[in-house]
N, C-alpha and C. Protein backbone atom coordinates (compact mmCIF):
# COMPACT_ATOMS: atom_id res chain seq x y z
N UNK A 1 5.45 -23.86 -139.94
CA UNK A 1 5.61 -25.26 -140.22
C UNK A 1 6.99 -25.53 -140.85
N UNK A 2 7.40 -24.60 -141.71
CA UNK A 2 8.69 -24.74 -142.38
C UNK A 2 9.84 -24.71 -141.37
N UNK A 3 9.73 -23.81 -140.37
CA UNK A 3 10.78 -23.71 -139.34
C UNK A 3 10.83 -24.96 -138.48
N UNK A 4 9.68 -25.57 -138.22
CA UNK A 4 9.65 -26.79 -137.42
C UNK A 4 10.37 -27.92 -138.14
N UNK A 5 10.16 -28.01 -139.45
CA UNK A 5 10.84 -29.05 -140.24
C UNK A 5 12.35 -28.80 -140.26
N UNK A 6 12.77 -27.55 -140.43
CA UNK A 6 14.19 -27.22 -140.41
C UNK A 6 14.81 -27.57 -139.06
N UNK A 7 14.11 -27.20 -137.99
CA UNK A 7 14.60 -27.48 -136.65
C UNK A 7 14.71 -28.98 -136.40
N UNK A 8 13.72 -29.74 -136.88
CA UNK A 8 13.76 -31.19 -136.72
C UNK A 8 14.92 -31.81 -137.49
N UNK A 9 15.18 -31.31 -138.70
CA UNK A 9 16.30 -31.81 -139.49
C UNK A 9 17.63 -31.50 -138.83
N UNK A 10 17.77 -30.32 -138.26
CA UNK A 10 19.01 -29.96 -137.59
C UNK A 10 19.23 -30.85 -136.38
N UNK A 11 18.18 -31.09 -135.60
CA UNK A 11 18.30 -31.98 -134.44
C UNK A 11 18.65 -33.40 -134.90
N UNK A 12 18.05 -33.85 -135.99
CA UNK A 12 18.36 -35.18 -136.52
C UNK A 12 19.81 -35.29 -136.95
N UNK A 13 20.34 -34.25 -137.57
CA UNK A 13 21.75 -34.26 -138.00
C UNK A 13 22.67 -34.31 -136.78
N UNK A 14 22.37 -33.50 -135.77
CA UNK A 14 23.21 -33.53 -134.56
C UNK A 14 23.15 -34.87 -133.85
N UNK A 15 21.97 -35.48 -133.77
CA UNK A 15 21.86 -36.78 -133.13
C UNK A 15 22.60 -37.86 -133.91
N UNK A 16 22.53 -37.80 -135.24
CA UNK A 16 23.24 -38.80 -136.03
C UNK A 16 24.76 -38.63 -135.92
N UNK A 17 25.23 -37.38 -135.86
CA UNK A 17 26.66 -37.15 -135.67
C UNK A 17 27.08 -37.67 -134.31
N UNK A 18 26.28 -37.45 -133.29
CA UNK A 18 26.59 -37.94 -131.94
C UNK A 18 26.62 -39.46 -131.92
N UNK A 19 25.64 -40.09 -132.56
CA UNK A 19 25.56 -41.55 -132.57
C UNK A 19 26.73 -42.16 -133.36
N UNK A 20 27.01 -41.62 -134.54
CA UNK A 20 28.11 -42.14 -135.35
C UNK A 20 29.46 -41.87 -134.69
N UNK A 21 29.59 -40.72 -134.03
CA UNK A 21 30.83 -40.43 -133.31
C UNK A 21 31.07 -41.41 -132.17
N UNK A 22 30.00 -41.79 -131.49
CA UNK A 22 30.12 -42.78 -130.42
C UNK A 22 30.52 -44.14 -130.95
N UNK A 23 29.97 -44.53 -132.10
CA UNK A 23 30.34 -45.83 -132.69
C UNK A 23 31.79 -45.82 -133.18
N UNK A 24 32.24 -44.70 -133.74
CA UNK A 24 33.62 -44.60 -134.20
C UNK A 24 34.57 -44.68 -133.00
N UNK A 25 34.20 -44.07 -131.90
CA UNK A 25 35.06 -44.10 -130.71
C UNK A 25 35.14 -45.50 -130.12
N UNK A 26 34.10 -46.32 -130.28
CA UNK A 26 34.20 -47.70 -129.79
C UNK A 26 35.14 -48.52 -130.68
N UNK A 27 35.21 -48.20 -131.97
CA UNK A 27 36.13 -48.91 -132.86
C UNK A 27 37.57 -48.50 -132.57
N UNK A 28 37.78 -47.22 -132.34
CA UNK A 28 39.11 -46.71 -132.09
C UNK A 28 39.22 -46.46 -130.59
N UNK A 29 39.26 -47.51 -129.84
CA UNK A 29 39.31 -47.41 -128.38
C UNK A 29 40.75 -47.16 -127.94
N UNK A 30 41.03 -46.01 -127.31
CA UNK A 30 42.40 -45.79 -126.83
C UNK A 30 42.67 -46.66 -125.61
N UNK A 31 43.93 -46.70 -125.24
CA UNK A 31 44.29 -47.47 -124.06
C UNK A 31 43.64 -46.85 -122.83
N UNK A 32 43.44 -47.65 -121.82
CA UNK A 32 42.66 -47.22 -120.66
C UNK A 32 43.30 -46.06 -119.91
N UNK A 33 44.62 -46.06 -119.75
CA UNK A 33 45.24 -44.97 -119.01
C UNK A 33 45.20 -43.66 -119.79
N UNK A 34 45.16 -43.72 -121.12
CA UNK A 34 45.07 -42.51 -121.92
C UNK A 34 43.66 -41.94 -121.88
N UNK A 35 42.65 -42.78 -121.70
CA UNK A 35 41.28 -42.29 -121.70
C UNK A 35 41.02 -41.39 -120.50
N UNK A 36 41.54 -41.76 -119.32
CA UNK A 36 41.36 -40.93 -118.13
C UNK A 36 42.06 -39.58 -118.29
N UNK A 37 43.24 -39.59 -118.87
CA UNK A 37 43.97 -38.34 -119.07
C UNK A 37 43.28 -37.45 -120.10
N UNK A 38 42.72 -38.04 -121.14
CA UNK A 38 42.03 -37.22 -122.14
C UNK A 38 40.73 -36.66 -121.59
N UNK A 39 40.05 -37.39 -120.70
CA UNK A 39 38.84 -36.87 -120.07
C UNK A 39 39.18 -35.68 -119.19
N UNK A 40 40.30 -35.75 -118.48
CA UNK A 40 40.74 -34.62 -117.65
C UNK A 40 41.12 -33.43 -118.53
N UNK A 41 41.70 -33.70 -119.69
CA UNK A 41 42.05 -32.63 -120.61
C UNK A 41 40.79 -31.95 -121.15
N UNK A 42 39.76 -32.73 -121.48
CA UNK A 42 38.49 -32.15 -121.92
C UNK A 42 37.87 -31.30 -120.81
N UNK A 43 37.98 -31.74 -119.57
CA UNK A 43 37.43 -30.98 -118.45
C UNK A 43 38.13 -29.64 -118.31
N UNK A 44 39.46 -29.65 -118.33
CA UNK A 44 40.21 -28.40 -118.21
C UNK A 44 39.97 -27.49 -119.42
N UNK A 45 39.87 -28.07 -120.59
CA UNK A 45 39.58 -27.27 -121.78
C UNK A 45 38.20 -26.65 -121.73
N UNK A 46 37.22 -27.40 -121.23
CA UNK A 46 35.87 -26.86 -121.09
C UNK A 46 35.81 -25.73 -120.09
N UNK A 47 36.51 -25.89 -118.97
CA UNK A 47 36.53 -24.82 -117.96
C UNK A 47 37.22 -23.56 -118.50
N UNK A 48 38.33 -23.75 -119.17
CA UNK A 48 39.06 -22.61 -119.72
C UNK A 48 38.25 -21.88 -120.78
N UNK A 49 37.64 -22.64 -121.67
CA UNK A 49 36.82 -22.03 -122.72
C UNK A 49 35.63 -21.29 -122.16
N UNK A 50 34.97 -21.86 -121.16
CA UNK A 50 33.81 -21.22 -120.54
C UNK A 50 34.21 -19.91 -119.87
N UNK A 51 35.31 -19.94 -119.12
CA UNK A 51 35.74 -18.73 -118.42
C UNK A 51 36.17 -17.65 -119.40
N UNK A 52 36.89 -18.02 -120.45
CA UNK A 52 37.29 -17.03 -121.46
C UNK A 52 36.07 -16.46 -122.18
N UNK A 53 35.06 -17.28 -122.42
CA UNK A 53 33.83 -16.80 -123.06
C UNK A 53 33.13 -15.78 -122.17
N UNK A 54 33.02 -16.06 -120.88
CA UNK A 54 32.35 -15.14 -119.95
C UNK A 54 33.13 -13.83 -119.85
N UNK A 55 34.45 -13.92 -119.75
CA UNK A 55 35.27 -12.70 -119.66
C UNK A 55 35.18 -11.89 -120.95
N UNK A 56 35.14 -12.55 -122.09
CA UNK A 56 35.03 -11.84 -123.37
C UNK A 56 33.70 -11.11 -123.46
N UNK A 57 32.61 -11.77 -123.12
CA UNK A 57 31.29 -11.12 -123.18
C UNK A 57 31.23 -9.96 -122.19
N UNK A 58 31.81 -10.13 -121.00
CA UNK A 58 31.80 -9.05 -120.00
C UNK A 58 32.63 -7.87 -120.47
N UNK A 59 33.74 -8.13 -121.14
CA UNK A 59 34.58 -7.02 -121.61
C UNK A 59 33.92 -6.24 -122.73
N UNK A 60 33.04 -6.86 -123.48
CA UNK A 60 32.32 -6.14 -124.53
C UNK A 60 31.36 -5.09 -123.97
N UNK A 61 30.92 -5.28 -122.72
CA UNK A 61 29.96 -4.37 -122.12
C UNK A 61 30.61 -3.15 -121.48
N UNK A 62 31.92 -3.11 -121.41
CA UNK A 62 32.61 -2.03 -120.72
C UNK A 62 32.30 -0.66 -121.33
N UNK A 63 32.24 -0.56 -122.64
CA UNK A 63 32.02 0.72 -123.31
C UNK A 63 30.64 1.28 -123.01
N UNK A 64 29.61 0.44 -123.01
CA UNK A 64 28.26 0.95 -122.75
C UNK A 64 28.12 1.42 -121.31
N UNK A 65 28.78 0.73 -120.36
CA UNK A 65 28.73 1.18 -118.97
C UNK A 65 29.51 2.47 -118.77
N UNK A 66 30.61 2.63 -119.48
CA UNK A 66 31.37 3.88 -119.34
C UNK A 66 30.59 5.05 -119.94
N UNK A 67 29.87 4.82 -121.02
CA UNK A 67 29.02 5.88 -121.58
C UNK A 67 27.89 6.25 -120.61
N UNK A 68 27.32 5.26 -119.97
CA UNK A 68 26.25 5.53 -119.01
C UNK A 68 26.78 6.25 -117.78
N UNK A 69 28.02 5.93 -117.36
CA UNK A 69 28.61 6.59 -116.20
C UNK A 69 28.84 8.08 -116.46
N UNK A 70 29.09 8.44 -117.72
CA UNK A 70 29.27 9.86 -118.04
C UNK A 70 27.97 10.62 -117.92
N UNK A 71 26.85 10.00 -118.31
CA UNK A 71 25.56 10.69 -118.27
C UNK A 71 24.89 10.60 -116.91
N UNK A 72 24.87 9.42 -116.33
CA UNK A 72 24.25 9.19 -115.01
C UNK A 72 25.25 8.40 -114.16
N UNK A 73 26.08 9.08 -113.39
CA UNK A 73 27.16 8.38 -112.68
C UNK A 73 26.67 7.34 -111.67
N UNK A 74 25.66 7.66 -110.90
CA UNK A 74 25.22 6.75 -109.85
C UNK A 74 24.56 5.50 -110.44
N UNK A 75 23.65 5.69 -111.36
CA UNK A 75 22.98 4.54 -111.99
C UNK A 75 23.96 3.71 -112.79
N UNK A 76 24.88 4.38 -113.49
CA UNK A 76 25.90 3.66 -114.25
C UNK A 76 26.80 2.82 -113.37
N UNK A 77 27.18 3.38 -112.22
CA UNK A 77 28.03 2.63 -111.29
C UNK A 77 27.28 1.44 -110.69
N UNK A 78 26.02 1.64 -110.33
CA UNK A 78 25.23 0.54 -109.76
C UNK A 78 25.05 -0.58 -110.78
N UNK A 79 24.69 -0.24 -112.01
CA UNK A 79 24.52 -1.28 -113.03
C UNK A 79 25.84 -1.98 -113.35
N UNK A 80 26.92 -1.21 -113.38
CA UNK A 80 28.22 -1.82 -113.65
C UNK A 80 28.63 -2.78 -112.53
N UNK A 81 28.39 -2.40 -111.28
CA UNK A 81 28.72 -3.29 -110.16
C UNK A 81 27.84 -4.55 -110.17
N UNK A 82 26.56 -4.40 -110.49
CA UNK A 82 25.68 -5.58 -110.58
C UNK A 82 26.16 -6.53 -111.68
N UNK A 83 26.54 -5.96 -112.80
CA UNK A 83 27.04 -6.79 -113.91
C UNK A 83 28.37 -7.45 -113.52
N UNK A 84 29.22 -6.72 -112.81
CA UNK A 84 30.50 -7.27 -112.37
C UNK A 84 30.30 -8.42 -111.38
N UNK A 85 29.38 -8.26 -110.42
CA UNK A 85 29.10 -9.33 -109.46
C UNK A 85 28.52 -10.56 -110.15
N UNK A 86 27.65 -10.33 -111.13
CA UNK A 86 27.08 -11.45 -111.88
C UNK A 86 28.19 -12.17 -112.66
N UNK A 87 29.11 -11.42 -113.24
CA UNK A 87 30.22 -12.01 -113.98
C UNK A 87 31.12 -12.82 -113.05
N UNK A 88 31.40 -12.30 -111.88
CA UNK A 88 32.22 -13.03 -110.91
C UNK A 88 31.55 -14.34 -110.52
N UNK A 89 30.23 -14.31 -110.30
CA UNK A 89 29.52 -15.55 -109.96
C UNK A 89 29.63 -16.57 -111.08
N UNK A 90 29.44 -16.14 -112.32
CA UNK A 90 29.49 -17.07 -113.44
C UNK A 90 30.91 -17.58 -113.69
N UNK A 91 31.94 -16.81 -113.33
CA UNK A 91 33.32 -17.26 -113.51
C UNK A 91 33.72 -18.24 -112.40
N UNK A 92 33.26 -18.00 -111.18
CA UNK A 92 33.65 -18.86 -110.05
C UNK A 92 32.88 -20.17 -110.05
N UNK A 93 31.69 -20.22 -110.63
CA UNK A 93 30.85 -21.41 -110.56
C UNK A 93 31.53 -22.69 -111.07
N UNK A 94 32.29 -22.69 -112.18
CA UNK A 94 32.90 -23.95 -112.63
C UNK A 94 33.88 -24.56 -111.62
N UNK A 95 34.48 -23.73 -110.77
CA UNK A 95 35.39 -24.26 -109.77
C UNK A 95 34.64 -24.96 -108.64
N UNK A 96 33.38 -24.62 -108.44
CA UNK A 96 32.58 -25.24 -107.39
C UNK A 96 31.99 -26.56 -107.87
N UNK A 97 31.32 -26.51 -109.00
CA UNK A 97 30.68 -27.71 -109.55
C UNK A 97 30.81 -27.67 -111.06
N UNK A 98 31.57 -28.61 -111.62
CA UNK A 98 31.80 -28.59 -113.07
C UNK A 98 30.98 -29.68 -113.74
N UNK A 99 30.14 -29.24 -114.67
CA UNK A 99 29.39 -30.13 -115.53
C UNK A 99 29.29 -29.41 -116.87
N UNK A 100 29.87 -29.98 -117.90
CA UNK A 100 29.99 -29.28 -119.18
C UNK A 100 28.63 -28.95 -119.78
N UNK A 101 27.66 -29.87 -119.67
CA UNK A 101 26.34 -29.61 -120.23
C UNK A 101 25.66 -28.45 -119.49
N UNK A 102 25.81 -28.40 -118.17
CA UNK A 102 25.19 -27.32 -117.40
C UNK A 102 25.89 -26.00 -117.67
N UNK A 103 27.20 -26.03 -117.93
CA UNK A 103 27.92 -24.79 -118.21
C UNK A 103 27.50 -24.18 -119.55
N UNK A 104 27.11 -25.01 -120.49
CA UNK A 104 26.59 -24.48 -121.76
C UNK A 104 25.30 -23.71 -121.51
N UNK A 105 24.44 -24.27 -120.66
CA UNK A 105 23.20 -23.58 -120.30
C UNK A 105 23.51 -22.30 -119.53
N UNK A 106 24.50 -22.36 -118.63
CA UNK A 106 24.88 -21.18 -117.87
C UNK A 106 25.43 -20.07 -118.79
N UNK A 107 26.17 -20.45 -119.83
CA UNK A 107 26.68 -19.46 -120.77
C UNK A 107 25.53 -18.79 -121.51
N UNK A 108 24.52 -19.55 -121.88
CA UNK A 108 23.35 -18.96 -122.54
C UNK A 108 22.59 -18.04 -121.59
N UNK A 109 22.47 -18.43 -120.33
CA UNK A 109 21.80 -17.57 -119.34
C UNK A 109 22.60 -16.29 -119.14
N UNK A 110 23.93 -16.40 -119.11
CA UNK A 110 24.76 -15.20 -118.97
C UNK A 110 24.60 -14.27 -120.16
N UNK A 111 24.53 -14.83 -121.36
CA UNK A 111 24.32 -13.99 -122.54
C UNK A 111 22.97 -13.30 -122.48
N UNK A 112 21.94 -14.00 -122.01
CA UNK A 112 20.61 -13.40 -121.87
C UNK A 112 20.63 -12.27 -120.84
N UNK A 113 21.25 -12.50 -119.69
CA UNK A 113 21.32 -11.46 -118.65
C UNK A 113 22.14 -10.27 -119.13
N UNK A 114 23.22 -10.52 -119.84
CA UNK A 114 24.04 -9.43 -120.36
C UNK A 114 23.29 -8.62 -121.40
N UNK A 115 22.51 -9.29 -122.22
CA UNK A 115 21.71 -8.54 -123.20
C UNK A 115 20.63 -7.71 -122.51
N UNK A 116 20.09 -8.19 -121.38
CA UNK A 116 19.14 -7.38 -120.62
C UNK A 116 19.81 -6.13 -120.05
N UNK A 117 21.04 -6.27 -119.54
CA UNK A 117 21.79 -5.10 -119.07
C UNK A 117 22.05 -4.14 -120.23
N UNK A 118 22.38 -4.67 -121.39
CA UNK A 118 22.64 -3.83 -122.56
C UNK A 118 21.39 -3.07 -122.99
N UNK A 119 20.26 -3.74 -123.00
CA UNK A 119 19.00 -3.09 -123.36
C UNK A 119 18.67 -1.99 -122.36
N UNK A 120 18.88 -2.27 -121.07
CA UNK A 120 18.59 -1.29 -120.03
C UNK A 120 19.49 -0.06 -120.16
N UNK A 121 20.78 -0.26 -120.38
CA UNK A 121 21.68 0.88 -120.52
C UNK A 121 21.37 1.68 -121.79
N UNK A 122 21.07 1.00 -122.89
CA UNK A 122 20.72 1.71 -124.12
C UNK A 122 19.43 2.51 -123.95
N UNK A 123 18.47 1.96 -123.24
CA UNK A 123 17.21 2.66 -123.02
C UNK A 123 17.43 3.90 -122.15
N UNK A 124 18.28 3.79 -121.12
CA UNK A 124 18.56 4.95 -120.27
C UNK A 124 19.31 6.02 -121.06
N UNK A 125 20.31 5.61 -121.83
CA UNK A 125 21.09 6.57 -122.62
C UNK A 125 20.20 7.23 -123.68
N UNK A 126 19.37 6.46 -124.33
CA UNK A 126 18.49 7.02 -125.35
C UNK A 126 17.47 7.96 -124.72
N UNK A 127 16.98 7.64 -123.54
CA UNK A 127 16.02 8.53 -122.86
C UNK A 127 16.64 9.83 -122.43
N UNK A 128 17.93 9.82 -122.11
CA UNK A 128 18.59 11.05 -121.70
C UNK A 128 19.02 11.90 -122.88
N UNK A 129 19.36 11.29 -123.99
CA UNK A 129 19.89 12.05 -125.12
C UNK A 129 18.81 12.60 -126.03
N UNK A 130 17.62 12.03 -126.01
CA UNK A 130 16.58 12.54 -126.90
C UNK A 130 15.23 12.53 -126.17
N UNK A 131 14.34 13.38 -126.61
CA UNK A 131 13.01 13.45 -126.06
C UNK A 131 12.08 12.67 -126.97
N UNK A 132 11.54 11.58 -126.47
CA UNK A 132 10.71 10.73 -127.33
C UNK A 132 9.33 11.32 -127.55
N UNK A 133 8.87 12.23 -126.65
CA UNK A 133 7.55 12.83 -126.84
C UNK A 133 7.55 13.90 -127.91
N UNK A 134 8.63 14.67 -128.00
CA UNK A 134 8.72 15.74 -128.98
C UNK A 134 10.02 15.62 -129.77
N UNK A 135 10.08 14.72 -130.73
CA UNK A 135 11.33 14.57 -131.49
C UNK A 135 11.56 15.77 -132.40
N UNK A 136 12.82 16.00 -132.73
CA UNK A 136 13.17 17.10 -133.63
C UNK A 136 12.70 16.74 -135.03
N UNK A 137 12.19 17.73 -135.73
CA UNK A 137 11.72 17.53 -137.09
C UNK A 137 12.86 17.79 -138.06
N UNK A 138 12.94 16.95 -139.07
CA UNK A 138 13.95 17.12 -140.12
C UNK A 138 13.34 17.92 -141.25
N UNK A 139 13.98 19.02 -141.62
CA UNK A 139 13.45 19.86 -142.69
C UNK A 139 13.88 19.37 -144.03
């Protein structure tokens, strides 16, 4: 119950900031030709930020795939190629259809898929490096 109240308060704060920000923007209305240029600037900034975020998250996974390639070369290569193809899809998508709200959801989906790849590689590496049925005893 406590978490529901916290979550509701956070949503209320974000909605009030959005509402007040919209009212402030109506008071400080820029000239019409500047508004179109600033919207284009926000679009390019959103695309650049999204692509850099995806590339950054993908580059963080390089070490775990290289460790897996040392232990299991074929499985490591297959998982690395699948992750690479998924990354290419998520990077190319904004050039096909750009919607900033949908790209935020796509970034969250990419983080979820990347964490699944990370869990899978860690589970394979852990299964190869130790025997879970008969662990070593510490004296």
